[in-house]
Full PDB file with SEQRES, HELIX, SHEET, SSBOND, CRYST1, ORIGX, SCALE, CONECT and MASTER records, all heavy atoms in Angstrom:
SEQRES   1 A   36  VAL LEU ALA ASN SER LYS ALA GLY THR VAL VAL ASP LEU          
SEQRES   2 A   36  THR LYS GLU GLN ILE PHE LYS ALA LEU ALA LYS ASN VAL          
SEQRES   3 A   36  ALA VAL ASP GLY LYS VAL VAL ALA ASN PRO                      
HELIX    1 AA1 LYS A   15  LEU A   22  1                                   8    
SHEET    1 AA1 2 ASN A  25  VAL A  28  0                                        
SHEET    2 AA1 2 LYS A  31  ALA A  34 -1                                        
CRYST1    1.000    1.000    1.000  90.00  90.00  90.00 P 1           1          
ORIGX1      1.000000  0.000000  0.000000        0.00000                         
ORIGX2      0.000000  1.000000  0.000000        0.00000                         
ORIGX3      0.000000  0.000000  1.000000        0.00000                         
SCALE1      1.000000  0.000000  0.000000        0.00000                         
SCALE2      0.000000  1.000000  0.000000        0.00000                         
SCALE3      0.000000  0.000000  1.000000        0.00000                         
ATOM      1  N   VAL A   1      11.074 -79.279  75.619  1.00  0.00           N  
ATOM      2  CA  VAL A   1       9.801 -79.593  74.957  1.00  0.00           C  
ATOM      3  C   VAL A   1       8.677 -78.687  75.463  1.00  0.00           C  
ATOM      4  O   VAL A   1       8.735 -78.145  76.563  1.00  0.00           O  
ATOM      5  CB  VAL A   1       9.401 -81.069  75.179  1.00  0.00           C  
ATOM      6  CG1 VAL A   1      10.492 -81.996  74.664  1.00  0.00           C  
ATOM      7  CG2 VAL A   1       9.104 -81.364  76.647  1.00  0.00           C  
ATOM      8  N   LEU A   2       7.678 -78.548  74.605  1.00  0.00           N  
ATOM      9  CA  LEU A   2       6.408 -77.946  75.004  1.00  0.00           C  
ATOM     10  C   LEU A   2       5.422 -79.101  75.000  1.00  0.00           C  
ATOM     11  O   LEU A   2       5.213 -79.742  73.970  1.00  0.00           O  
ATOM     12  CB  LEU A   2       5.982 -76.868  74.011  1.00  0.00           C  
ATOM     13  CG  LEU A   2       4.910 -75.890  74.511  1.00  0.00           C  
ATOM     14  CD1 LEU A   2       5.502 -74.966  75.568  1.00  0.00           C  
ATOM     15  CD2 LEU A   2       4.337 -75.059  73.384  1.00  0.00           C  
ATOM     16  N   ALA A   3       4.866 -79.392  76.168  1.00  0.00           N  
ATOM     17  CA  ALA A   3       4.011 -80.574  76.305  1.00  0.00           C  
ATOM     18  C   ALA A   3       2.733 -80.244  77.062  1.00  0.00           C  
ATOM     19  O   ALA A   3       2.659 -79.237  77.775  1.00  0.00           O  
ATOM     20  CB  ALA A   3       4.775 -81.685  77.022  1.00  0.00           C  
ATOM     21  N   ASN A   4       1.753 -81.107  76.913  1.00  0.00           N  
ATOM     22  CA  ASN A   4       0.525 -80.981  77.687  1.00  0.00           C  
ATOM     23  C   ASN A   4      -0.024 -82.367  77.993  1.00  0.00           C  
ATOM     24  O   ASN A   4       0.554 -83.380  77.601  1.00  0.00           O  
ATOM     25  CB  ASN A   4      -0.508 -80.100  76.966  1.00  0.00           C  
ATOM     26  CG  ASN A   4      -1.019 -80.718  75.665  1.00  0.00           C  
ATOM     27  OD1 ASN A   4      -0.478 -81.690  75.171  1.00  0.00           O  
ATOM     28  ND2 ASN A   4      -2.054 -80.122  75.090  1.00  0.00           N  
ATOM     29  N   SER A   5      -1.142 -82.392  78.691  1.00  0.00           N  
ATOM     30  CA  SER A   5      -1.792 -83.648  79.030  1.00  0.00           C  
ATOM     31  C   SER A   5      -2.263 -84.358  77.767  1.00  0.00           C  
ATOM     32  O   SER A   5      -2.632 -83.714  76.771  1.00  0.00           O  
ATOM     33  CB  SER A   5      -2.987 -83.372  79.950  1.00  0.00           C  
ATOM     34  OG  SER A   5      -3.846 -84.501  80.011  1.00  0.00           O  
ATOM     35  N   LYS A   6      -2.275 -85.671  77.798  1.00  0.00           N  
ATOM     36  CA  LYS A   6      -2.783 -86.436  76.651  1.00  0.00           C  
ATOM     37  C   LYS A   6      -4.265 -86.184  76.427  1.00  0.00           C  
ATOM     38  O   LYS A   6      -4.801 -86.498  75.369  1.00  0.00           O  
ATOM     39  CB  LYS A   6      -2.516 -87.923  76.857  1.00  0.00           C  
ATOM     40  CG  LYS A   6      -1.075 -88.310  76.561  1.00  0.00           C  
ATOM     41  CD  LYS A   6      -0.939 -89.797  76.373  1.00  0.00           C  
ATOM     42  CE  LYS A   6       0.408 -90.120  75.733  1.00  0.00           C  
ATOM     43  NZ  LYS A   6       0.586 -91.574  75.494  1.00  0.00           N  
ATOM     44  N   ALA A   7      -4.909 -85.587  77.434  1.00  0.00           N  
ATOM     45  CA  ALA A   7      -6.321 -85.228  77.285  1.00  0.00           C  
ATOM     46  C   ALA A   7      -6.486 -83.890  76.572  1.00  0.00           C  
ATOM     47  O   ALA A   7      -7.594 -83.487  76.206  1.00  0.00           O  
ATOM     48  CB  ALA A   7      -6.999 -85.155  78.657  1.00  0.00           C  
ATOM     49  N   GLY A   8      -5.370 -83.191  76.338  1.00  0.00           N  
ATOM     50  CA  GLY A   8      -5.406 -81.877  75.693  1.00  0.00           C  
ATOM     51  C   GLY A   8      -5.264 -81.953  74.185  1.00  0.00           C  
ATOM     52  O   GLY A   8      -5.138 -83.026  73.599  1.00  0.00           O  
ATOM     53  N   THR A   9      -5.271 -80.783  73.550  1.00  0.00           N  
ATOM     54  CA  THR A   9      -5.182 -80.680  72.097  1.00  0.00           C  
ATOM     55  C   THR A   9      -3.755 -80.867  71.604  1.00  0.00           C  
ATOM     56  O   THR A   9      -2.803 -80.420  72.236  1.00  0.00           O  
ATOM     57  CB  THR A   9      -5.681 -79.282  71.652  1.00  0.00           C  
ATOM     58  OG1 THR A   9      -6.995 -79.073  72.167  1.00  0.00           O  
ATOM     59  CG2 THR A   9      -5.718 -79.168  70.132  1.00  0.00           C  
ATOM     60  N   VAL A  10      -3.623 -81.526  70.467  1.00  0.00           N  
ATOM     61  CA  VAL A  10      -2.319 -81.663  69.821  1.00  0.00           C  
ATOM     62  C   VAL A  10      -2.089 -80.444  68.946  1.00  0.00           C  
ATOM     63  O   VAL A  10      -2.960 -80.044  68.165  1.00  0.00           O  
ATOM     64  CB  VAL A  10      -2.259 -82.937  68.949  1.00  0.00           C  
ATOM     65  CG1 VAL A  10      -0.935 -83.012  68.184  1.00  0.00           C  
ATOM     66  CG2 VAL A  10      -2.435 -84.181  69.810  1.00  0.00           C  
ATOM     67  N   VAL A  11      -0.916 -79.813  69.082  1.00  0.00           N  
ATOM     68  CA  VAL A  11      -0.602 -78.634  68.279  1.00  0.00           C  
ATOM     69  C   VAL A  11       0.747 -78.821  67.593  1.00  0.00           C  
ATOM     70  O   VAL A  11       1.584 -79.592  68.051  1.00  0.00           O  
ATOM     71  CB  VAL A  11      -0.585 -77.338  69.125  1.00  0.00           C  
ATOM     72  CG1 VAL A  11      -1.964 -77.014  69.649  1.00  0.00           C  
ATOM     73  CG2 VAL A  11       0.410 -77.441  70.273  1.00  0.00           C  
ATOM     74  N   ASP A  12       0.935 -78.102  66.506  1.00  0.00           N  
ATOM     75  CA  ASP A  12       2.201 -78.087  65.783  1.00  0.00           C  
ATOM     76  C   ASP A  12       2.635 -76.625  65.763  1.00  0.00           C  
ATOM     77  O   ASP A  12       2.027 -75.808  65.076  1.00  0.00           O  
ATOM     78  CB  ASP A  12       2.002 -78.636  64.371  1.00  0.00           C  
ATOM     79  CG  ASP A  12       3.324 -78.802  63.612  1.00  0.00           C  
ATOM     80  OD1 ASP A  12       4.331 -78.252  64.075  1.00  0.00           O  
ATOM     81  OD2 ASP A  12       3.312 -79.459  62.561  1.00  0.00           O  
ATOM     82  N   LEU A  13       3.648 -76.299  66.544  1.00  0.00           N  
ATOM     83  CA  LEU A  13       4.027 -74.907  66.752  1.00  0.00           C  
ATOM     84  C   LEU A  13       5.300 -74.527  66.014  1.00  0.00           C  
ATOM     85  O   LEU A  13       6.146 -75.380  65.731  1.00  0.00           O  
ATOM     86  CB  LEU A  13       4.212 -74.637  68.249  1.00  0.00           C  
ATOM     87  CG  LEU A  13       2.972 -74.774  69.127  1.00  0.00           C  
ATOM     88  CD1 LEU A  13       3.375 -74.918  70.582  1.00  0.00           C  
ATOM     89  CD2 LEU A  13       2.051 -73.572  68.942  1.00  0.00           C  
ATOM     90  N   THR A  14       5.431 -73.260  65.736  1.00  0.00           N  
ATOM     91  CA  THR A  14       6.700 -72.732  65.234  1.00  0.00           C  
ATOM     92  C   THR A  14       7.340 -71.917  66.362  1.00  0.00           C  
ATOM     93  O   THR A  14       6.662 -71.497  67.309  1.00  0.00           O  
ATOM     94  CB  THR A  14       6.492 -71.817  64.016  1.00  0.00           C  
ATOM     95  OG1 THR A  14       5.751 -70.653  64.428  1.00  0.00           O  
ATOM     96  CG2 THR A  14       5.727 -72.532  62.906  1.00  0.00           C  
ATOM     97  N   LYS A  15       8.638 -71.682  66.250  1.00  0.00           N  
ATOM     98  CA  LYS A  15       9.302 -70.847  67.248  1.00  0.00           C  
ATOM     99  C   LYS A  15       8.689 -69.446  67.257  1.00  0.00           C  
ATOM    100  O   LYS A  15       8.544 -68.825  68.316  1.00  0.00           O  
ATOM    101  CB  LYS A  15      10.805 -70.760  66.947  1.00  0.00           C  
ATOM    102  CG  LYS A  15      11.559 -72.045  67.223  1.00  0.00           C  
ATOM    103  CD  LYS A  15      13.058 -71.865  66.977  1.00  0.00           C  
ATOM    104  CE  LYS A  15      13.824 -73.149  67.227  1.00  0.00           C  
ATOM    105  NZ  LYS A  15      15.275 -72.985  66.999  1.00  0.00           N  
ATOM    106  N   GLU A  16       8.303 -68.971  66.084  1.00  0.00           N  
ATOM    107  CA  GLU A  16       7.698 -67.642  65.996  1.00  0.00           C  
ATOM    108  C   GLU A  16       6.387 -67.576  66.770  1.00  0.00           C  
ATOM    109  O   GLU A  16       6.112 -66.601  67.474  1.00  0.00           O  
ATOM    110  CB  GLU A  16       7.461 -67.268  64.534  1.00  0.00           C  
ATOM    111  CG  GLU A  16       6.899 -65.859  64.365  1.00  0.00           C  
ATOM    112  CD  GLU A  16       6.639 -65.487  62.902  1.00  0.00           C  
ATOM    113  OE1 GLU A  16       6.820 -66.346  62.029  1.00  0.00           O  
ATOM    114  OE2 GLU A  16       6.246 -64.341  62.662  1.00  0.00           O  
ATOM    115  N   GLN A  17       5.573 -68.619  66.655  1.00  0.00           N  
ATOM    116  CA  GLN A  17       4.308 -68.652  67.390  1.00  0.00           C  
ATOM    117  C   GLN A  17       4.548 -68.711  68.899  1.00  0.00           C  
ATOM    118  O   GLN A  17       3.844 -68.056  69.674  1.00  0.00           O  
ATOM    119  CB  GLN A  17       3.473 -69.857  66.939  1.00  0.00           C  
ATOM    120  CG  GLN A  17       2.906 -69.724  65.539  1.00  0.00           C  
ATOM    121  CD  GLN A  17       2.344 -71.026  65.013  1.00  0.00           C  
ATOM    122  OE1 GLN A  17       2.659 -72.118  65.518  1.00  0.00           O  
ATOM    123  NE2 GLN A  17       1.497 -70.939  63.983  1.00  0.00           N  
ATOM    124  N   ILE A  18       5.537 -69.484  69.318  1.00  0.00           N  
ATOM    125  CA  ILE A  18       5.858 -69.570  70.744  1.00  0.00           C  
ATOM    126  C   ILE A  18       6.337 -68.218  71.255  1.00  0.00           C  
ATOM    127  O   ILE A  18       5.949 -67.765  72.343  1.00  0.00           O  
ATOM    128  CB  ILE A  18       6.929 -70.665  70.999  1.00  0.00           C  
ATOM    129  CG1 ILE A  18       6.399 -72.035  70.585  1.00  0.00           C  
ATOM    130  CG2 ILE A  18       7.327 -70.685  72.475  1.00  0.00           C  
ATOM    131  CD1 ILE A  18       7.455 -73.131  70.596  1.00  0.00           C  
ATOM    132  N   PHE A  19       7.176 -67.546  70.468  1.00  0.00           N  
ATOM    133  CA  PHE A  19       7.641 -66.218  70.852  1.00  0.00           C  
ATOM    134  C   PHE A  19       6.460 -65.263  71.030  1.00  0.00           C  
ATOM    135  O   PHE A  19       6.359 -64.562  72.050  1.00  0.00           O  
ATOM    136  CB  PHE A  19       8.607 -65.660  69.799  1.00  0.00           C  
ATOM    137  CG  PHE A  19       8.968 -64.207  70.039  1.00  0.00           C  
ATOM    138  CD1 PHE A  19       9.963 -63.875  70.940  1.00  0.00           C  
ATOM    139  CD2 PHE A  19       8.294 -63.178  69.389  1.00  0.00           C  
ATOM    140  CE1 PHE A  19      10.283 -62.547  71.193  1.00  0.00           C  
ATOM    141  CE2 PHE A  19       8.608 -61.851  69.622  1.00  0.00           C  
ATOM    142  CZ  PHE A  19       9.606 -61.533  70.529  1.00  0.00           C  
ATOM    143  N   LYS A  20       5.571 -65.237  70.055  1.00  0.00           N  
ATOM    144  CA  LYS A  20       4.418 -64.324  70.131  1.00  0.00           C  
ATOM    145  C   LYS A  20       3.513 -64.642  71.322  1.00  0.00           C  
ATOM    146  O   LYS A  20       2.911 -63.747  71.913  1.00  0.00           O  
ATOM    147  CB  LYS A  20       3.620 -64.392  68.833  1.00  0.00           C  
ATOM    148  CG  LYS A  20       4.306 -63.726  67.650  1.00  0.00           C  
ATOM    149  CD  LYS A  20       3.422 -63.803  66.401  1.00  0.00           C  
ATOM    150  CE  LYS A  20       4.056 -63.089  65.216  1.00  0.00           C  
ATOM    151  NZ  LYS A  20       3.216 -63.185  63.993  1.00  0.00           N  
ATOM    152  N   ALA A  21       3.448 -65.904  71.689  1.00  0.00           N  
ATOM    153  CA  ALA A  21       2.586 -66.289  72.815  1.00  0.00           C  
ATOM    154  C   ALA A  21       3.192 -65.915  74.163  1.00  0.00           C  
ATOM    155  O   ALA A  21       2.465 -65.571  75.102  1.00  0.00           O  
ATOM    156  CB  ALA A  21       2.323 -67.786  72.777  1.00  0.00           C  
ATOM    157  N   LEU A  22       4.518 -65.912  74.243  1.00  0.00           N  
ATOM    158  CA  LEU A  22       5.160 -65.783  75.559  1.00  0.00           C  
ATOM    159  C   LEU A  22       6.009 -64.530  75.763  1.00  0.00           C  
ATOM    160  O   LEU A  22       6.398 -64.227  76.892  1.00  0.00           O  
ATOM    161  CB  LEU A  22       6.027 -67.018  75.823  1.00  0.00           C  
ATOM    162  CG  LEU A  22       5.278 -68.357  75.875  1.00  0.00           C  
ATOM    163  CD1 LEU A  22       6.250 -69.479  76.161  1.00  0.00           C  
ATOM    164  CD2 LEU A  22       4.173 -68.324  76.914  1.00  0.00           C  
ATOM    165  N   ALA A  23       6.308 -63.782  74.714  1.00  0.00           N  
ATOM    166  CA  ALA A  23       7.155 -62.599  74.866  1.00  0.00           C  
ATOM    167  C   ALA A  23       6.438 -61.499  75.630  1.00  0.00           C  
ATOM    168  O   ALA A  23       5.216 -61.314  75.511  1.00  0.00           O  
ATOM    169  CB  ALA A  23       7.568 -62.086  73.499  1.00  0.00           C  
ATOM    170  N   LYS A  24       7.186 -60.770  76.413  1.00  0.00           N  
ATOM    171  CA  LYS A  24       6.612 -59.646  77.155  1.00  0.00           C  
ATOM    172  C   LYS A  24       6.142 -58.554  76.206  1.00  0.00           C  
ATOM    173  O   LYS A  24       5.084 -57.947  76.402  1.00  0.00           O  
ATOM    174  CB  LYS A  24       7.655 -59.079  78.139  1.00  0.00           C  
ATOM    175  CG  LYS A  24       7.124 -57.953  79.023  1.00  0.00           C  
ATOM    176  CD  LYS A  24       8.166 -57.536  80.041  1.00  0.00           C  
ATOM    177  CE  LYS A  24       7.621 -56.442  80.962  1.00  0.00           C  
ATOM    178  NZ  LYS A  24       8.631 -56.052  81.986  1.00  0.00           N  
ATOM    179  N   ASN A  25       6.942 -58.301  75.170  1.00  0.00           N  
ATOM    180  CA  ASN A  25       6.593 -57.294  74.164  1.00  0.00           C  
ATOM    181  C   ASN A  25       6.634 -57.908  72.775  1.00  0.00           C  
ATOM    182  O   ASN A  25       7.529 -58.723  72.470  1.00  0.00           O  
ATOM    183  CB  ASN A  25       7.574 -56.118  74.224  1.00  0.00           C  
ATOM    184  CG  ASN A  25       7.544 -55.415  75.569  1.00  0.00           C  
ATOM    185  OD1 ASN A  25       6.502 -54.950  76.016  1.00  0.00           O  
ATOM    186  ND2 ASN A  25       8.693 -55.347  76.225  1.00  0.00           N  
ATOM    187  N   VAL A  26       5.678 -57.542  71.929  1.00  0.00           N  
ATOM    188  CA  VAL A  26       5.625 -58.045  70.561  1.00  0.00           C  
ATOM    189  C   VAL A  26       5.355 -56.884  69.609  1.00  0.00           C  
ATOM    190  O   VAL A  26       4.930 -55.792  70.033  1.00  0.00           O  
ATOM    191  CB  VAL A  26       4.523 -59.117  70.383  1.00  0.00           C  
ATOM    192  CG1 VAL A  26       4.823 -60.338  71.221  1.00  0.00           C  
ATOM    193  CG2 VAL A  26       3.145 -58.551  70.720  1.00  0.00           C  
ATOM    194  N   ALA A  27       5.582 -57.129  68.328  1.00  0.00           N  
ATOM    195  CA  ALA A  27       5.300 -56.109  67.314  1.00  0.00           C  
ATOM    196  C   ALA A  27       3.937 -56.382  66.692  1.00  0.00           C  
ATOM    197  O   ALA A  27       3.658 -57.488  66.236  1.00  0.00           O  
ATOM    198  CB  ALA A  27       6.380 -56.136  66.241  1.00  0.00           C  
ATOM    199  N   VAL A  28       3.091 -55.373  66.712  1.00  0.00           N  
ATOM    200  CA  VAL A  28       1.768 -55.442  66.081  1.00  0.00           C  
ATOM    201  C   VAL A  28       1.645 -54.263  65.146  1.00  0.00           C  
ATOM    202  O   VAL A  28       1.772 -53.106  65.573  1.00  0.00           O  
ATOM    203  CB  VAL A  28       0.639 -55.423  67.140  1.00  0.00           C  
ATOM    204  CG1 VAL A  28      -0.719 -55.471  66.450  1.00  0.00           C  
ATOM    205  CG2 VAL A  28       0.771 -56.588  68.114  1.00  0.00           C  
ATOM    206  N   ASP A  29       1.419 -54.547  63.861  1.00  0.00           N  
ATOM    207  CA  ASP A  29       1.340 -53.502  62.839  1.00  0.00           C  
ATOM    208  C   ASP A  29       2.572 -52.588  62.861  1.00  0.00           C  
ATOM    209  O   ASP A  29       2.473 -51.362  62.734  1.00  0.00           O  
ATOM    210  CB  ASP A  29       0.066 -52.659  63.028  1.00  0.00           C  
ATOM    211  CG  ASP A  29      -1.198 -53.495  62.845  1.00  0.00           C  
ATOM    212  OD1 ASP A  29      -1.163 -54.450  62.047  1.00  0.00           O  
ATOM    213  OD2 ASP A  29      -2.197 -53.188  63.520  1.00  0.00           O  
ATOM    214  N   GLY A  30       3.733 -53.212  63.096  1.00  0.00           N  
ATOM    215  CA  GLY A  30       4.979 -52.469  63.053  1.00  0.00           C  
ATOM    216  C   GLY A  30       5.338 -51.726  64.321  1.00  0.00           C  
ATOM    217  O   GLY A  30       6.405 -51.134  64.417  1.00  0.00           O  
ATOM    218  N   LYS A  31       4.463 -51.769  65.329  1.00  0.00           N  
ATOM    219  CA  LYS A  31       4.713 -51.079  66.589  1.00  0.00           C  
ATOM    220  C   LYS A  31       4.932 -52.094  67.717  1.00  0.00           C  
ATOM    221  O   LYS A  31       4.251 -53.115  67.780  1.00  0.00           O  
ATOM    222  CB  LYS A  31       3.549 -50.163  66.949  1.00  0.00           C  
ATOM    223  CG  LYS A  31       3.347 -49.015  65.965  1.00  0.00           C  
ATOM    224  CD  LYS A  31       2.172 -48.135  66.395  1.00  0.00           C  
ATOM    225  CE  LYS A  31       1.978 -46.972  65.427  1.00  0.00           C  
ATOM    226  NZ  LYS A  31       0.827 -46.101  65.822  1.00  0.00           N  
ATOM    227  N   VAL A  32       5.884 -51.794  68.596  1.00  0.00           N  
ATOM    228  CA  VAL A  32       6.171 -52.683  69.723  1.00  0.00           C  
ATOM    229  C   VAL A  32       5.234 -52.349  70.881  1.00  0.00           C  
ATOM    230  O   VAL A  32       5.194 -51.206  71.354  1.00  0.00           O  
ATOM    231  CB  VAL A  32       7.644 -52.559  70.174  1.00  0.00           C  
ATOM    232  CG1 VAL A  32       7.918 -53.443  71.387  1.00  0.00           C  
ATOM    233  CG2 VAL A  32       8.567 -52.933  69.024  1.00  0.00           C  
ATOM    234  N   VAL A  33       4.456 -53.357  71.301  1.00  0.00           N  
ATOM    235  CA  VAL A  33       3.470 -53.146  72.365  1.00  0.00           C  
ATOM    236  C   VAL A  33       3.560 -54.285  73.384  1.00  0.00           C  
ATOM    237  O   VAL A  33       4.145 -55.325  73.115  1.00  0.00           O  
ATOM    238  CB  VAL A  33       2.035 -53.102  71.782  1.00  0.00           C  
ATOM    239  CG1 VAL A  33       1.879 -51.923  70.822  1.00  0.00           C  
ATOM    240  CG2 VAL A  33       1.696 -54.407  71.078  1.00  0.00           C  
ATOM    241  N   ALA A  34       2.958 -54.050  74.553  1.00  0.00           N  
ATOM    242  CA  ALA A  34       2.860 -55.123  75.544  1.00  0.00           C  
ATOM    243  C   ALA A  34       2.014 -56.240  74.921  1.00  0.00           C  
ATOM    244  O   ALA A  34       1.020 -55.980  74.226  1.00  0.00           O  
ATOM    245  CB  ALA A  34       2.201 -54.598  76.815  1.00  0.00           C  
ATOM    246  N   ASN A  35       2.410 -57.470  75.164  1.00  0.00           N  
ATOM    247  CA  ASN A  35       1.757 -58.619  74.528  1.00  0.00           C  
ATOM    248  C   ASN A  35       0.240 -58.599  74.738  1.00  0.00           C  
ATOM    249  O   ASN A  35      -0.232 -58.693  75.868  1.00  0.00           O  
ATOM    250  CB  ASN A  35       2.341 -59.925  75.075  1.00  0.00           C  
ATOM    251  CG  ASN A  35       2.008 -61.124  74.206  1.00  0.00           C  
ATOM    252  OD1 ASN A  35       0.924 -61.240  73.656  1.00  0.00           O  
ATOM    253  ND2 ASN A  35       2.963 -62.033  74.096  1.00  0.00           N  
ATOM    254  N   PRO A  36      -0.542 -58.486  73.642  1.00  0.00           N  
ATOM    255  CA  PRO A  36      -2.000 -58.405  73.775  1.00  0.00           C  
ATOM    256  C   PRO A  36      -2.714 -59.742  73.634  1.00  0.00           C  
ATOM    257  O   PRO A  36      -3.928 -59.828  73.824  1.00  0.00           O  
ATOM    258  CB  PRO A  36      -2.382 -57.504  72.600  1.00  0.00           C  
ATOM    259  CG  PRO A  36      -1.398 -57.896  71.526  1.00  0.00           C  
ATOM    260  CD  PRO A  36      -0.116 -58.254  72.252  1.00  0.00           C  
TER     261      PRO A  36                                                      
MASTER        0    0    0    1    2    0    0    6  260    1    0    3          
END                                                                             
Protein backbone atom coordinates (compact mmCIF):
# COMPACT_ATOMS: atom_id res chain seq x y z
CA VAL A 1 0.00 0.00 0.00
CA LEU A 2 0.80 3.67 -0.34
CA ALA A 3 -0.46 5.29 2.84
CA ASN A 4 -0.20 8.49 4.84
CA SER A 5 -1.45 10.02 8.06
CA LYS A 6 -5.19 10.51 8.41
CA ALA A 7 -4.31 14.18 8.81
CA GLY A 8 -2.92 14.18 5.25
CA THR A 9 -4.53 14.49 1.83
CA VAL A 10 -6.47 11.65 0.24
CA VAL A 11 -5.17 10.80 -3.24
CA ASP A 12 -6.18 8.38 -5.98
CA LEU A 13 -3.02 7.28 -7.78
CA THR A 14 -2.21 5.29 -10.88
CA LYS A 15 0.83 3.06 -11.23
CA GLU A 16 2.06 5.44 -13.91
CA GLN A 17 1.91 8.40 -11.53
CA ILE A 18 3.76 6.44 -8.83
CA PHE A 19 6.43 5.48 -11.36
CA LYS A 20 6.90 9.09 -12.45
CA ALA A 21 7.14 10.22 -8.83
CA LEU A 22 9.70 7.65 -7.74
CA ALA A 23 11.72 6.49 -10.77
CA LYS A 24 15.35 7.54 -10.97
CA ASN A 25 14.95 8.32 -14.67
CA VAL A 26 11.81 9.34 -16.56
CA ALA A 27 10.91 10.34 -20.10
CA VAL A 28 10.11 14.00 -20.68
CA ASP A 29 9.20 15.10 -24.21
CA GLY A 30 10.51 11.79 -25.51
CA LYS A 31 13.92 12.12 -23.83
CA VAL A 32 15.11 10.11 -20.82
CA VAL A 33 16.30 12.44 -18.05
CA ALA A 34 17.01 12.35 -14.33
CA ASN A 35 13.69 12.68 -12.51
CA PRO A 36 12.88 16.42 -12.40
